[in-house]
Amino acid sequence: MENSELSPASVPKPKLTLATKLAYGAGDLGAGLTSNLLAFSFLIFLTNVAGLEPITAGTVLLIGKIWDGVNDPIVGMLSDRTRTRWGRRYPWIFLTGVPFGIAFFFNWIVPGFATTPAAKFWYYVLISVAFQIFFTTTNLPYSVLTAEMTQDYDERTELTSFRLAFSLTGAVLILAVGLGVSEVVSDPARQYQVLGALGGLISIGAIYWCVLGTYRHTQQQAKYRGRSLNEQADIDETPFWQQLKIVFSNRPFLFVVGIYLFSWLALQITATIIPYYVTFWMGGDNYFLAALLVQGTAIVMMFFCSLLSKRIGKKGLYFLGSGVWIGVQLALFFLQPGQLGVMYGLCLLASFGVATAYIVPWSILPDVIELDELNTGCRREGAFYAFMTLLQKGGLAVGIFFVSVALETSGFEKDAVLQPDSALWAIRFFMGPVPLVLLICGMILAFFYPITKEVHAEILLKLAERRME
């Protein structure tokens, strides 16, 4: 069908129904679930269950994240250039959903054939790389759907809220399951196997719910824009290094990357250190409860943030949430052993800041993509999402590796209940001052971010005028 037959004048604007929003959000449930269990538990699993030294375990995480970052732009550009009757994104999501769930399960196996530390190390490296490949081939094309499902500024914030609410639901679900499994199953190795199996199955089901529930709307939206689903804009055949130059010449994109990088680095470092903080500093029995309180409440906060952003703007929301979060991290640093009630209260308070870190960067990224389309005439959703996550994952890899190095050099003993003062200080340092500094850096970048709601409306108007020519 020719583009002239698919004009906005002849095709009604498709309604973004609740069922479509729910299905779209479900696509991130598996990503949130798997990422959260890995963030909170993989380092302590590798050190205290698989028996690796902290720096060796940190190297596994470093290699996996670096590969994930390298993998992202490749998949992003390939998905931009994919041409099938089902479009550019859906074949990737559909074909790799099952391998994604299976690879996740194998992260949590202590292999009987790996009898030496070196063999265990390489097993976990290979499994981590395989998992990151399938994570990218499902989640990156899915992430790009935000820009293809609607052009409306507020609808994108709403879709992002649904997406990230499901992401947090997955994150909370696996923590709740972990809390229950830890009460029923006494063997730590068996606990993680059960969690890995359940997490993989849930993730697979959610991915296919998303595909089946959003495909028709995305197809209708493409027709409304005057294009086919397979080619919503001119396919970009620009070589990799030239795309890299174009993407990073987009100044607002650099702000988005920085805001996301600092916010998520603060979140992931906190998530990585929480099991050690609760267990060895606070004297708690189960770190799953603290993690559950933070992210469980953040689901409710997600929708509150969506409403609040309409009143104070995305920038104002980010300032408010980050300010609250900074206060919480500072209080956690000064908290004393045994003050578990206060700690749980601070976890609840932190959920507001966590919600803003989820929602703000992802809701402003599509605006940057449209600025690029206005400037270049091409849509590079896959490239922008890929390069954003490349830098984010590279930063996270380095940050988590620093945590493992700090544990190793501070004298952390993986088989000991009581840790030396130097190890306890390192744990508290990564719980308080490090996230605090990162959040302040994110706030500085948010202050100077240039695309407001009015600027975005002008970009859309110019794009509409160009398409009418």
Protein backbone atom coordinates (compact mmCIF):
# COMPACT_ATOMS: atom_id res chain seq x y z
CA MET A 1 0.00 0.00 0.00
CA GLU A 2 1.37 3.38 -0.92
CA ASN A 3 1.94 6.09 1.67
CA SER A 4 -0.61 8.33 -0.04
CA GLU A 5 -3.30 5.79 0.88
CA LEU A 6 -2.26 5.90 4.51
CA SER A 7 -2.74 9.57 5.25
CA PRO A 8 -3.88 10.96 8.62
CA ALA A 9 -6.80 12.57 6.80
CA SER A 10 -8.26 9.19 5.75
CA VAL A 11 -7.33 7.11 8.83
CA PRO A 12 -8.79 7.96 12.27
CA LYS A 13 -6.38 8.37 15.15
CA PRO A 14 -6.25 5.05 17.03
CA LYS A 15 -7.40 5.15 20.64
CA LEU A 16 -4.87 4.05 23.22
CA THR A 17 -7.09 1.74 25.27
CA LEU A 18 -6.49 0.44 28.79
CA ALA A 19 -6.02 -3.09 27.42
CA THR A 20 -3.30 -1.84 25.07
CA LYS A 21 -1.57 0.10 27.84
CA LEU A 22 -1.61 -2.97 30.09
CA ALA A 23 -0.25 -5.20 27.34
CA TYR A 24 2.47 -2.67 26.54
CA GLY A 25 3.44 -2.39 30.19
CA ALA A 26 3.62 -6.19 30.50
CA GLY A 27 6.50 -6.22 28.03
CA ASP A 28 8.80 -4.79 30.71
CA LEU A 29 7.70 -7.11 33.52
CA GLY A 30 10.29 -9.73 32.63
CA ALA A 31 13.04 -7.16 32.21
CA GLY A 32 12.26 -5.65 35.60
CA LEU A 33 12.03 -9.05 37.25
CA THR A 34 15.29 -10.43 35.88
CA SER A 35 17.25 -7.20 36.23
CA ASN A 36 16.12 -6.73 39.82
CA LEU A 37 17.01 -10.21 41.01
CA LEU A 38 20.39 -9.93 39.30
CA ALA A 39 20.98 -6.45 40.76
CA PHE A 40 20.10 -7.40 44.33
CA SER A 41 21.25 -11.00 44.48
CA PHE A 42 23.75 -12.01 41.79
CA LEU A 43 26.88 -10.65 43.49
CA ILE A 44 26.02 -12.16 46.86
CA PHE A 45 24.96 -15.40 45.11
CA LEU A 46 28.33 -15.62 43.38
CA THR A 47 30.29 -14.91 46.59
CA ASN A 48 28.26 -16.74 49.25
CA VAL A 49 26.64 -19.60 47.26
CA ALA A 50 28.84 -20.25 44.22
CA GLY A 51 31.96 -19.57 46.32
CA LEU A 52 33.74 -17.03 44.12
CA GLU A 53 35.95 -14.33 45.62
CA PRO A 54 34.36 -10.83 45.53
CA ILE A 55 36.68 -9.47 42.86
CA THR A 56 36.20 -12.59 40.70
CA ALA A 57 32.43 -12.30 41.05
CA GLY A 58 32.64 -8.60 40.20
CA THR A 59 34.62 -9.45 37.07
CA VAL A 60 31.82 -11.78 35.93
CA LEU A 61 29.37 -8.91 36.27
CA LEU A 62 31.76 -6.50 34.56
CA ILE A 63 32.25 -8.74 31.51
CA GLY A 64 28.52 -9.43 31.20
CA LYS A 65 27.59 -5.75 31.37
CA ILE A 66 30.33 -4.66 28.97
CA TRP A 67 29.18 -7.23 26.44
CA ASP A 68 25.60 -6.10 27.00
CA GLY A 69 26.64 -2.55 26.19
CA VAL A 70 28.47 -3.61 23.01
CA ASN A 71 25.52 -5.81 22.03
CA ASP A 72 22.94 -3.00 22.31
CA PRO A 73 23.90 -0.75 19.36
CA ILE A 74 24.26 -3.79 17.09
CA VAL A 75 20.75 -5.02 17.88
CA GLY A 76 19.37 -1.46 17.82
CA MET A 77 20.60 -0.76 14.31
CA LEU A 78 19.64 -4.22 13.05
CA SER A 79 16.10 -3.73 14.35
CA ASP A 80 15.96 -0.30 12.67
CA ARG A 81 16.87 -1.99 9.37
CA THR A 82 14.69 -5.09 9.75
CA ARG A 83 11.92 -5.28 7.16
CA THR A 84 9.25 -7.95 7.52
CA ARG A 85 5.50 -8.11 7.07
CA TRP A 86 5.22 -7.88 10.89
CA GLY A 87 7.33 -4.73 11.14
CA ARG A 88 10.78 -3.96 12.45
CA ARG A 89 10.47 -4.74 16.17
CA TYR A 90 8.01 -7.56 16.71
CA PRO A 91 9.98 -10.41 15.06
CA TRP A 92 12.90 -9.76 17.42
CA ILE A 93 10.68 -9.83 20.51
CA PHE A 94 8.68 -12.88 19.43
CA LEU A 95 11.59 -15.11 18.37
CA THR A 96 13.88 -14.52 21.36
CA GLY A 97 11.39 -14.44 24.25
CA VAL A 98 11.82 -18.13 25.15
CA PRO A 99 15.66 -18.18 25.00
CA PHE A 100 15.61 -15.09 27.24
CA GLY A 101 13.75 -16.95 30.01
CA ILE A 102 15.88 -20.11 29.71
CA ALA A 103 19.17 -18.20 29.83
CA PHE A 104 18.01 -16.37 32.96
CA PHE A 105 17.44 -19.67 34.77
CA PHE A 106 20.97 -20.91 34.07
CA ASN A 107 22.46 -17.87 35.83
CA TRP A 108 21.33 -19.41 39.13
CA ILE A 109 22.79 -22.90 38.73
CA VAL A 110 25.94 -23.97 40.58
CA PRO A 111 27.37 -26.32 37.94
CA GLY A 112 28.49 -29.69 39.25
CA PHE A 113 30.98 -30.11 36.40
CA ALA A 114 32.81 -26.90 37.34
CA THR A 115 34.99 -28.12 40.19
CA THR A 116 37.58 -25.33 40.16
CA PRO A 117 37.19 -21.56 40.68
CA ALA A 118 38.38 -20.96 37.10
CA ALA A 119 35.77 -23.33 35.66
CA LYS A 120 33.02 -21.65 37.67
CA PHE A 121 34.22 -18.24 36.56
CA TRP A 122 34.03 -19.12 32.87
CA TYR A 123 30.67 -20.85 33.26
CA TYR A 124 29.12 -17.71 34.74
CA VAL A 125 30.81 -15.47 32.16
CA LEU A 126 29.40 -17.50 29.26
CA ILE A 127 25.92 -17.73 30.78
CA SER A 128 25.93 -14.00 31.58
CA VAL A 129 26.89 -13.14 28.00
CA ALA A 130 24.19 -15.45 26.59
CA PHE A 131 21.56 -13.95 28.89
CA GLN A 132 22.55 -10.38 27.98
CA ILE A 133 22.26 -11.20 24.26
CA PHE A 134 18.68 -12.44 24.63
CA PHE A 135 17.79 -9.66 27.06
CA THR A 136 18.79 -7.13 24.42
CA THR A 137 17.06 -8.86 21.50
CA THR A 138 13.75 -8.81 23.40
CA ASN A 139 13.91 -5.68 25.52
CA LEU A 140 15.57 -3.17 23.19
CA PRO A 141 13.07 -3.55 20.30
CA TYR A 142 10.29 -3.51 22.92
CA SER A 143 11.60 -0.26 24.42
CA VAL A 144 11.47 1.43 21.03
CA LEU A 145 7.72 0.77 20.78
CA THR A 146 7.03 3.82 22.99
CA ALA A 147 7.97 6.13 20.13
CA GLU A 148 5.98 4.08 17.59
CA MET A 149 2.76 3.71 19.58
CA THR A 150 2.04 7.42 20.06
CA GLN A 151 3.42 10.89 19.33
CA ASP A 152 1.44 12.59 22.09
CA TYR A 153 3.67 14.16 24.79
CA ASP A 154 1.44 13.19 27.74
CA GLU A 155 0.48 9.77 26.32
CA ARG A 156 4.15 8.90 26.22
CA THR A 157 4.49 9.76 29.89
CA GLU A 158 1.42 7.60 30.56
CA LEU A 159 2.78 4.68 28.53
CA THR A 160 6.10 5.03 30.32
CA SER A 161 4.23 4.91 33.63
CA PHE A 162 2.53 1.65 32.64
CA ARG A 163 5.75 0.21 31.34
CA LEU A 164 7.76 1.06 34.41
CA ALA A 165 4.93 0.13 36.78
CA PHE A 166 5.03 -3.35 35.25
CA SER A 167 8.81 -3.31 35.46
CA LEU A 168 8.53 -2.54 39.15
CA THR A 169 5.76 -5.13 39.52
CA GLY A 170 8.14 -7.73 38.13
CA ALA A 171 10.88 -6.46 40.40
CA VAL A 172 8.60 -6.61 43.44
CA LEU A 173 7.11 -9.95 42.44
CA ILE A 174 10.47 -11.71 42.35
CA LEU A 175 11.44 -10.14 45.68
CA ALA A 176 8.15 -11.28 47.23
CA VAL A 177 8.67 -14.76 45.81
CA GLY A 178 12.23 -14.68 47.14
CA LEU A 179 10.94 -13.74 50.58
CA GLY A 180 8.51 -16.67 50.49
CA VAL A 181 10.98 -19.17 49.05
CA SER A 182 13.58 -18.28 51.68
CA GLU A 183 11.05 -19.18 54.38
CA VAL A 184 10.17 -22.53 52.80
CA VAL A 185 13.45 -23.71 51.27
CA SER A 186 16.41 -23.85 53.63
CA ASP A 187 19.21 -24.57 51.13
CA PRO A 188 20.43 -21.25 49.64
CA ALA A 189 21.51 -22.87 46.35
CA ARG A 190 18.08 -24.44 45.94
CA GLN A 191 16.39 -21.11 46.77
CA TYR A 192 18.09 -19.38 43.85
CA GLN A 193 17.32 -22.27 41.47
CA VAL A 194 13.60 -21.99 42.28
CA LEU A 195 13.70 -18.22 41.85
CA GLY A 196 15.48 -18.54 38.50
CA ALA A 197 12.96 -21.07 37.17
CA LEU A 198 9.90 -19.08 38.26
CA GLY A 199 11.39 -15.82 37.02
CA GLY A 200 12.14 -17.28 33.59
CA LEU A 201 8.62 -18.69 33.14
CA ILE A 202 6.90 -15.45 34.22
CA SER A 203 9.11 -13.41 31.90
CA ILE A 204 8.30 -15.55 28.87
CA GLY A 205 4.54 -15.27 29.48
CA ALA A 206 4.67 -11.48 29.89
CA ILE A 207 6.65 -10.98 26.67
CA TYR A 208 4.02 -12.76 24.57
CA TRP A 209 1.19 -10.90 26.28
CA CYS A 210 2.83 -7.69 25.09
CA VAL A 211 3.27 -8.88 21.51
CA LEU A 212 -0.32 -10.07 21.18
CA GLY A 213 -1.81 -7.06 22.96
CA THR A 214 0.00 -4.20 21.19
CA TYR A 215 0.60 -5.32 17.61
CA ARG A 216 -2.77 -4.19 16.24
CA HIS A 217 -2.56 -0.72 17.84
CA THR A 218 1.00 -0.16 16.59
CA GLN A 219 -0.12 -1.15 13.09
CA GLN A 220 -3.03 1.32 13.24
CA GLN A 221 -0.78 4.07 14.58
CA ALA A 222 1.63 3.55 11.69
CA LYS A 223 -1.22 3.90 9.18
CA TYR A 224 -2.45 7.04 10.95
CA ARG A 225 1.00 8.58 10.55
CA GLY A 226 0.85 7.81 6.84
CA ARG A 227 3.31 4.94 6.81
CA SER A 228 3.33 1.16 6.97
CA LEU A 229 4.27 -0.64 10.19
CA ASN A 230 7.36 -1.96 8.47
CA GLU A 231 8.60 1.52 7.57
CA GLN A 232 7.31 4.24 9.86
CA ALA A 233 9.99 6.57 8.54
CA ASP A 234 12.87 6.36 6.13
CA ILE A 235 15.07 3.42 7.10
CA ASP A 236 18.50 4.67 8.04
CA GLU A 237 21.35 2.93 6.21
CA THR A 238 24.07 5.16 7.70
CA PRO A 239 27.24 3.25 8.72
CA PHE A 240 27.77 2.54 12.42
CA TRP A 241 30.45 5.12 13.17
CA GLN A 242 28.59 7.84 11.31
CA GLN A 243 25.42 7.00 13.27
CA LEU A 244 27.47 7.23 16.43
CA LYS A 245 28.60 10.72 15.43
CA ILE A 246 25.04 11.82 14.57
CA VAL A 247 23.55 10.46 17.79
CA PHE A 248 26.10 12.14 20.00
CA SER A 249 25.83 15.44 18.16
CA ASN A 250 22.25 15.62 19.50
CA ARG A 251 22.84 17.80 22.56
CA PRO A 252 19.57 17.03 24.41
CA PHE A 253 20.34 13.31 24.04
CA LEU A 254 23.57 13.77 25.97
CA PHE A 255 21.57 15.29 28.83
CA VAL A 256 19.14 12.35 28.82
CA VAL A 257 22.00 9.86 28.88
CA GLY A 258 23.65 11.67 31.78
CA ILE A 259 20.44 11.93 33.82
CA TYR A 260 19.69 8.25 33.27
CA LEU A 261 23.26 7.14 33.91
CA PHE A 262 23.62 8.94 37.23
CA SER A 263 20.15 7.98 38.49
CA TRP A 264 20.44 4.33 37.59
CA LEU A 265 24.01 4.02 38.75
CA ALA A 266 22.87 5.31 42.16
CA LEU A 267 19.99 2.82 42.14
CA GLN A 268 22.02 -0.18 41.01
CA ILE A 269 24.91 0.44 43.41
CA THR A 270 22.38 0.72 46.24
CA ALA A 271 20.65 -2.49 45.11
CA THR A 272 23.97 -4.34 44.91
CA ILE A 273 25.07 -3.29 48.39
CA ILE A 274 21.70 -3.72 50.18
CA PRO A 275 22.12 -7.48 50.86
CA TYR A 276 25.48 -6.81 52.49
CA TYR A 277 24.20 -3.71 54.33
CA VAL A 278 21.12 -5.45 55.79
CA THR A 279 22.94 -8.68 56.64
CA PHE A 280 26.30 -7.52 57.93
CA TRP A 281 25.72 -3.92 59.17
CA MET A 282 22.09 -3.84 60.31
CA GLY A 283 21.97 -7.46 61.52
CA GLY A 284 18.81 -8.33 59.54
CA ASP A 285 17.85 -11.89 58.65
CA ASN A 286 16.37 -11.34 55.18
CA TYR A 287 17.35 -8.56 52.77
CA PHE A 288 14.42 -9.35 50.45
CA LEU A 289 12.05 -7.45 52.79
CA ALA A 290 14.01 -4.18 52.57
CA ALA A 291 14.21 -4.42 48.77
CA LEU A 292 10.51 -5.29 48.60
CA LEU A 293 9.49 -2.20 50.59
CA VAL A 294 11.46 0.13 48.29
CA GLN A 295 10.18 -1.19 45.00
CA GLY A 296 6.71 -2.31 46.09
CA THR A 297 5.75 1.20 47.14
CA ALA A 298 7.41 2.61 44.02
CA ILE A 299 4.68 0.96 41.90
CA VAL A 300 2.02 3.17 43.51
CA MET A 301 4.37 6.14 43.34
CA MET A 302 4.74 5.60 39.60
CA PHE A 303 1.17 6.71 38.88
CA PHE A 304 1.41 9.52 41.41
CA CYS A 305 4.53 10.73 39.57
CA SER A 306 2.70 10.61 36.24
CA LEU A 307 -0.03 12.90 37.61
CA LEU A 308 2.44 15.14 39.40
CA SER A 309 4.51 15.65 36.24
CA LYS A 310 1.50 17.24 34.53
CA ARG A 311 1.42 19.89 37.27
CA ILE A 312 5.10 20.58 37.92
CA GLY A 313 6.69 19.18 34.74
CA LYS A 314 9.14 16.32 34.30
CA LYS A 315 12.07 18.45 35.41
CA GLY A 316 10.32 19.55 38.60
CA LEU A 317 9.35 15.95 39.32
CA TYR A 318 12.93 14.81 38.96
CA PHE A 319 14.19 17.51 41.34
CA LEU A 320 11.61 16.65 43.98
CA GLY A 321 12.14 12.90 43.80
CA SER A 322 15.92 13.09 43.79
CA GLY A 323 15.90 15.50 46.75
CA VAL A 324 13.88 13.06 48.84
CA TRP A 325 16.10 10.19 47.75
CA ILE A 326 19.29 12.05 48.71
CA GLY A 327 17.93 12.56 52.22
CA VAL A 328 17.21 8.84 52.54
CA GLN A 329 20.69 7.76 51.42
CA LEU A 330 22.26 10.16 53.89
CA ALA A 331 20.11 8.81 56.73
CA LEU A 332 20.98 5.20 55.84
CA PHE A 333 24.67 6.04 56.12
CA PHE A 334 24.25 7.22 59.72
CA LEU A 335 21.85 4.46 60.77
CA GLN A 336 23.13 2.18 63.54
CA PRO A 337 22.95 -1.63 63.78
CA GLY A 338 19.63 -2.94 65.07
CA GLN A 339 17.52 0.07 63.95
CA LEU A 340 15.57 -2.12 61.56
CA GLY A 341 12.25 -0.29 62.01
CA VAL A 342 13.81 3.03 60.99
CA MET A 343 15.55 1.34 58.07
CA TYR A 344 12.26 -0.09 56.76
CA GLY A 345 10.63 3.35 57.07
CA LEU A 346 13.45 4.91 55.04
CA CYS A 347 12.99 2.18 52.42
CA LEU A 348 9.36 3.24 52.03
CA LEU A 349 10.37 6.90 51.69
CA ALA A 350 13.03 6.05 49.08
CA SER A 351 10.36 4.62 46.79
CA PHE A 352 9.34 8.12 45.59
CA GLY A 353 12.87 8.89 44.42
CA VAL A 354 13.19 5.47 42.79
CA ALA A 355 9.93 6.04 40.88
CA THR A 356 11.18 9.34 39.43
CA ALA A 357 14.45 7.69 38.37
CA TYR A 358 12.42 5.12 36.47
CA ILE A 359 9.92 7.42 34.81
CA VAL A 360 11.61 10.71 33.89
CA PRO A 361 14.54 9.63 31.65
CA TRP A 362 12.49 7.11 29.64
CA SER A 363 9.60 9.54 29.12
CA ILE A 364 11.83 12.28 27.64
CA LEU A 365 13.92 10.07 25.34
CA PRO A 366 11.26 9.86 22.56
CA ASP A 367 11.22 13.67 22.42
CA VAL A 368 14.93 13.60 21.57
CA ILE A 369 14.29 11.05 18.81
CA GLU A 370 11.79 13.38 17.15
CA LEU A 371 14.24 16.27 17.30
CA ASP A 372 16.71 14.03 15.46
CA GLU A 373 14.03 13.18 12.85
CA LEU A 374 13.37 16.88 12.35
CA ASN A 375 17.09 17.55 11.85
CA THR A 376 17.99 14.53 9.70
CA GLY A 377 14.77 13.19 8.14
CA CYS A 378 15.35 9.69 9.57
CA ARG A 379 13.99 7.93 12.64
CA ARG A 380 16.68 6.15 14.62
CA GLU A 381 14.73 4.85 17.62
CA GLY A 382 16.80 1.68 17.87
CA ALA A 383 20.10 3.54 17.65
CA PHE A 384 19.15 6.10 20.31
CA TYR A 385 17.80 3.51 22.75
CA ALA A 386 20.83 1.31 22.10
CA PHE A 387 23.45 4.01 22.62
CA MET A 388 21.66 5.20 25.75
CA THR A 389 21.68 1.73 27.28
CA LEU A 390 25.24 1.12 26.06
CA LEU A 391 26.55 4.00 28.16
CA GLN A 392 24.22 3.19 31.04
CA LYS A 393 25.28 -0.46 31.18
CA GLY A 394 28.94 0.38 30.76
CA GLY A 395 28.69 2.77 33.70
CA LEU A 396 26.82 0.23 35.78
CA ALA A 397 29.41 -2.43 35.00
CA VAL A 398 32.19 -0.19 36.27
CA GLY A 399 30.17 0.89 39.31
CA ILE A 400 29.28 -2.65 40.41
CA PHE A 401 32.86 -3.76 39.78
CA PHE A 402 34.04 -1.00 42.13
CA VAL A 403 31.69 -2.39 44.79
CA SER A 404 33.29 -5.84 44.46
CA VAL A 405 36.79 -4.32 44.53
CA ALA A 406 35.87 -2.33 47.67
CA LEU A 407 34.63 -5.49 49.37
CA GLU A 408 37.77 -7.42 48.39
CA THR A 409 40.27 -4.74 49.42
CA SER A 410 38.44 -3.88 52.65
CA GLY A 411 38.85 -7.44 53.94
CA PHE A 412 35.32 -8.79 53.37
CA GLU A 413 35.17 -12.49 54.29
CA LYS A 414 32.58 -14.40 52.26
CA ASP A 415 32.20 -17.22 54.83
CA ALA A 416 32.13 -15.04 57.97
CA VAL A 417 29.09 -13.79 59.89
CA LEU A 418 30.99 -10.94 61.55
CA GLN A 419 32.94 -8.66 59.21
CA PRO A 420 35.95 -6.45 60.02
CA ASP A 421 35.36 -2.74 60.60
CA SER A 422 37.03 -1.87 57.29
CA ALA A 423 34.53 -4.02 55.35
CA LEU A 424 31.58 -2.52 57.25
CA TRP A 425 32.82 0.99 56.46
CA ALA A 426 33.07 0.13 52.74
CA ILE A 427 29.51 -1.22 52.79
CA ARG A 428 28.18 1.97 54.44
CA PHE A 429 30.19 4.19 52.08
CA PHE A 430 28.53 2.64 49.03
CA MET A 431 25.14 2.88 50.72
CA GLY A 432 25.36 6.61 51.51
CA PRO A 433 27.94 9.03 50.04
CA VAL A 434 28.40 7.36 46.63
CA PRO A 435 24.69 7.37 45.58
CA LEU A 436 24.30 10.87 47.05
CA VAL A 437 27.00 12.34 44.78
CA LEU A 438 25.59 10.56 41.73
CA LEU A 439 22.08 11.91 42.36
CA ILE A 440 23.38 15.47 42.70
CA CYS A 441 25.11 15.11 39.31
CA GLY A 442 21.82 13.94 37.78
CA MET A 443 19.99 16.96 39.20
CA ILE A 444 22.55 19.35 37.69
CA LEU A 445 22.03 17.84 34.23
CA ALA A 446 18.22 17.90 34.61
CA PHE A 447 18.37 21.62 35.39
CA PHE A 448 19.98 22.35 32.00
CA TYR A 449 17.89 19.88 29.91
CA PRO A 450 16.59 22.01 26.98
CA ILE A 451 13.42 20.29 25.61
CA THR A 452 10.33 21.56 27.41
CA LYS A 453 6.72 20.64 26.66
CA GLU A 454 6.41 23.77 24.49
CA VAL A 455 9.59 22.99 22.55
CA HIS A 456 8.37 19.43 21.93
CA ALA A 457 5.02 20.71 20.61
CA GLU A 458 6.89 22.93 18.14
CA ILE A 459 8.99 19.95 16.97
CA LEU A 460 5.83 17.90 16.30
CA LEU A 461 4.24 20.78 14.42
CA LYS A 462 7.25 21.12 12.12
CA LEU A 463 7.30 17.35 11.51
CA ALA A 464 3.59 17.40 10.63
CA GLU A 465 4.16 20.28 8.19
CA ARG A 466 7.00 18.40 6.53
CA ARG A 467 4.85 15.28 6.04
CA MET A 468 2.12 17.34 4.39
CA GLU A 469 4.53 18.65 1.78
